[in-house]
C-alpha atoms as a PDB file:
ATOM      1  CA  UNK A   1      25.149 161.123  -4.537  1.00  0.00           C
ATOM      2  CA  UNK A   2      22.308 160.184  -2.177  1.00  0.00           C
ATOM      3  CA  UNK A   3      20.767 158.032  -4.913  1.00  0.00           C
ATOM      4  CA  UNK A   4      24.046 156.166  -5.369  1.00  0.00           C
ATOM      5  CA  UNK A   5      24.339 155.448  -1.647  1.00  0.00           C
ATOM      6  CA  UNK A   6      20.700 154.381  -1.483  1.00  0.00           C
ATOM      7  CA  UNK A   7      21.128 152.100  -4.510  1.00  0.00           C
ATOM      8  CA  UNK A   8      24.243 150.472  -3.039  1.00  0.00           C
ATOM      9  CA  UNK A   9      22.531 149.957   0.306  1.00  0.00           C
ATOM     10  CA  UNK A  10      19.503 148.407  -1.365  1.00  0.00           C
ATOM     11  CA  UNK A  11      21.688 146.112  -3.470  1.00  0.00           C
ATOM     12  CA  UNK A  12      23.647 144.977  -0.406  1.00  0.00           C
ATOM     13  CA  UNK A  13      20.483 144.305   1.595  1.00  0.00           C
ATOM     14  CA  UNK A  14      18.974 142.327  -1.273  1.00  0.00           C
ATOM     15  CA  UNK A  15      22.098 140.213  -1.675  1.00  0.00           C
ATOM     16  CA  UNK A  16      22.224 139.450   2.064  1.00  0.00           C
ATOM     17  CA  UNK A  17      18.594 138.345   2.080  1.00  0.00           C
ATOM     18  CA  UNK A  18      19.219 136.129  -0.928  1.00  0.00           C
ATOM     19  CA  UNK A  19      22.347 134.688   0.706  1.00  0.00           C
ATOM     20  CA  UNK A  20      20.390 133.467   3.744  1.00  0.00           C
ATOM     21  CA  UNK A  21      18.058 131.275   1.700  1.00  0.00           C
ATOM     22  CA  UNK A  22      18.252 127.524   2.289  1.00  0.00           C
ATOM     23  CA  UNK A  23      19.614 125.363  -0.484  1.00  0.00           C
ATOM     24  CA  UNK A  24      17.243 122.463   0.253  1.00  0.00           C
ATOM     25  CA  UNK A  25      14.577 120.783  -1.854  1.00  0.00           C
ATOM     26  CA  UNK A  26      10.923 121.071  -0.865  1.00  0.00           C
ATOM     27  CA  UNK A  27      10.285 117.343  -1.357  1.00  0.00           C
ATOM     28  CA  UNK A  28       8.707 115.394   1.532  1.00  0.00           C
ATOM     29  CA  UNK A  29      11.292 113.887   3.899  1.00  0.00           C
ATOM     30  CA  UNK A  30      12.516 110.347   3.331  1.00  0.00           C
ATOM     31  CA  UNK A  31      15.377 108.361   4.856  1.00  0.00           C
ATOM     32  CA  UNK A  32      17.654 109.475   2.025  1.00  0.00           C
ATOM     33  CA  UNK A  33      16.685 113.131   2.465  1.00  0.00           C
ATOM     34  CA  UNK A  34      17.302 112.932   6.248  1.00  0.00           C
ATOM     35  CA  UNK A  35      20.986 112.238   5.568  1.00  0.00           C
ATOM     36  CA  UNK A  36      21.184 114.932   2.897  1.00  0.00           C
ATOM     37  CA  UNK A  37      23.446 117.816   3.862  1.00  0.00           C
ATOM     38  CA  UNK A  38      21.810 121.240   3.818  1.00  0.00           C
ATOM     39  CA  UNK A  39      23.888 124.414   3.875  1.00  0.00           C
ATOM     40  CA  UNK A  40      22.806 127.871   4.959  1.00  0.00           C
ATOM     41  CA  UNK A  41      24.546 131.221   5.184  1.00  0.00           C
ATOM     42  CA  UNK A  42      23.906 132.595   8.673  1.00  0.00           C
ATOM     43  CA  UNK A  43      24.451 136.152   9.807  1.00  0.00           C
ATOM     44  CA  UNK A  44      27.007 136.647  12.551  1.00  0.00           C
ATOM     45  CA  UNK A  45      26.301 139.221  15.226  1.00  0.00           C
ATOM     46  CA  UNK A  46      28.679 142.143  14.770  1.00  0.00           C
ATOM     47  CA  UNK A  47      29.684 141.185  11.243  1.00  0.00           C
ATOM     48  CA  UNK A  48      28.358 142.028   7.821  1.00  0.00           C
ATOM     49  CA  UNK A  49      29.650 138.801   6.344  1.00  0.00           C
ATOM     50  CA  UNK A  50      27.561 135.671   6.813  1.00  0.00           C
ATOM     51  CA  UNK A  51      29.222 132.335   7.547  1.00  0.00           C
ATOM     52  CA  UNK A  52      28.236 129.030   5.976  1.00  0.00           C
ATOM     53  CA  UNK A  53      26.819 126.270   8.196  1.00  0.00           C
ATOM     54  CA  UNK A  54      26.187 122.785   6.826  1.00  0.00           C
ATOM     55  CA  UNK A  55      24.189 120.112   8.695  1.00  0.00           C
ATOM     56  CA  UNK A  56      22.154 117.044   7.853  1.00  0.00           C
ATOM     57  CA  UNK A  57      18.401 117.365   7.666  1.00  0.00           C
ATOM     58  CA  UNK A  58      18.143 115.069  10.695  1.00  0.00           C
ATOM     59  CA  UNK A  59      20.323 117.463  12.724  1.00  0.00           C
ATOM     60  CA  UNK A  60      18.177 120.425  11.660  1.00  0.00           C
ATOM     61  CA  UNK A  61      14.998 118.568  12.604  1.00  0.00           C
ATOM     62  CA  UNK A  62      16.444 117.667  16.022  1.00  0.00           C
ATOM     63  CA  UNK A  63      17.468 121.277  16.693  1.00  0.00           C
ATOM     64  CA  UNK A  64      13.990 122.463  15.727  1.00  0.00           C
ATOM     65  CA  UNK A  65      12.383 119.923  18.063  1.00  0.00           C
ATOM     66  CA  UNK A  66      14.726 120.906  20.916  1.00  0.00           C
ATOM     67  CA  UNK A  67      13.861 124.582  20.418  1.00  0.00           C
ATOM     68  CA  UNK A  68      10.124 123.803  20.519  1.00  0.00           C
ATOM     69  CA  UNK A  69      10.504 121.791  23.708  1.00  0.00           C
ATOM     70  CA  UNK A  70      12.582 124.520  25.363  1.00  0.00           C
ATOM     71  CA  UNK A  71       9.996 127.152  24.413  1.00  0.00           C
ATOM     72  CA  UNK A  72       7.135 125.043  25.735  1.00  0.00           C
ATOM     73  CA  UNK A  73       9.005 124.391  28.994  1.00  0.00           C
ATOM     74  CA  UNK A  74       9.808 128.077  29.427  1.00  0.00           C
ATOM     75  CA  UNK A  75       6.191 129.075  28.790  1.00  0.00           C
ATOM     76  CA  UNK A  76       4.892 126.372  31.120  1.00  0.00           C
ATOM     77  CA  UNK A  77       7.267 127.398  33.931  1.00  0.00           C
ATOM     78  CA  UNK A  78       6.451 131.084  33.419  1.00  0.00           C
ATOM     79  CA  UNK A  79       2.715 130.498  33.687  1.00  0.00           C
ATOM     80  CA  UNK A  80       3.216 128.472  36.894  1.00  0.00           C
ATOM     81  CA  UNK A  81       5.166 131.351  38.432  1.00  0.00           C
ATOM     82  CA  UNK A  82       2.302 133.735  37.611  1.00  0.00           C
ATOM     83  CA  UNK A  83      -0.237 131.412  39.257  1.00  0.00           C
ATOM     84  CA  UNK A  84       1.854 131.256  42.440  1.00  0.00           C
ATOM     85  CA  UNK A  85       1.926 135.046  42.540  1.00  0.00           C
ATOM     86  CA  UNK A  86       5.683 135.407  42.669  1.00  0.00           C
END
């Protein structure tokens, strides 16, 4: 019985990991690939079922850039607070 539960759990975990993979090509970006729609299954907090999100490659690139800038700003502001001795 324990083996059956373990096998089912392993199968479910494997399928969820496979479901979160991007469905995009690994070709270098071009103008045509920037407008290509890329879909991803994202996990929802509090749910076992992922939901599908589709965006253009340009939107994904912009979100990635915004996240980098926000992280850099947060780290820069945090280091300034440490220097002031707050």
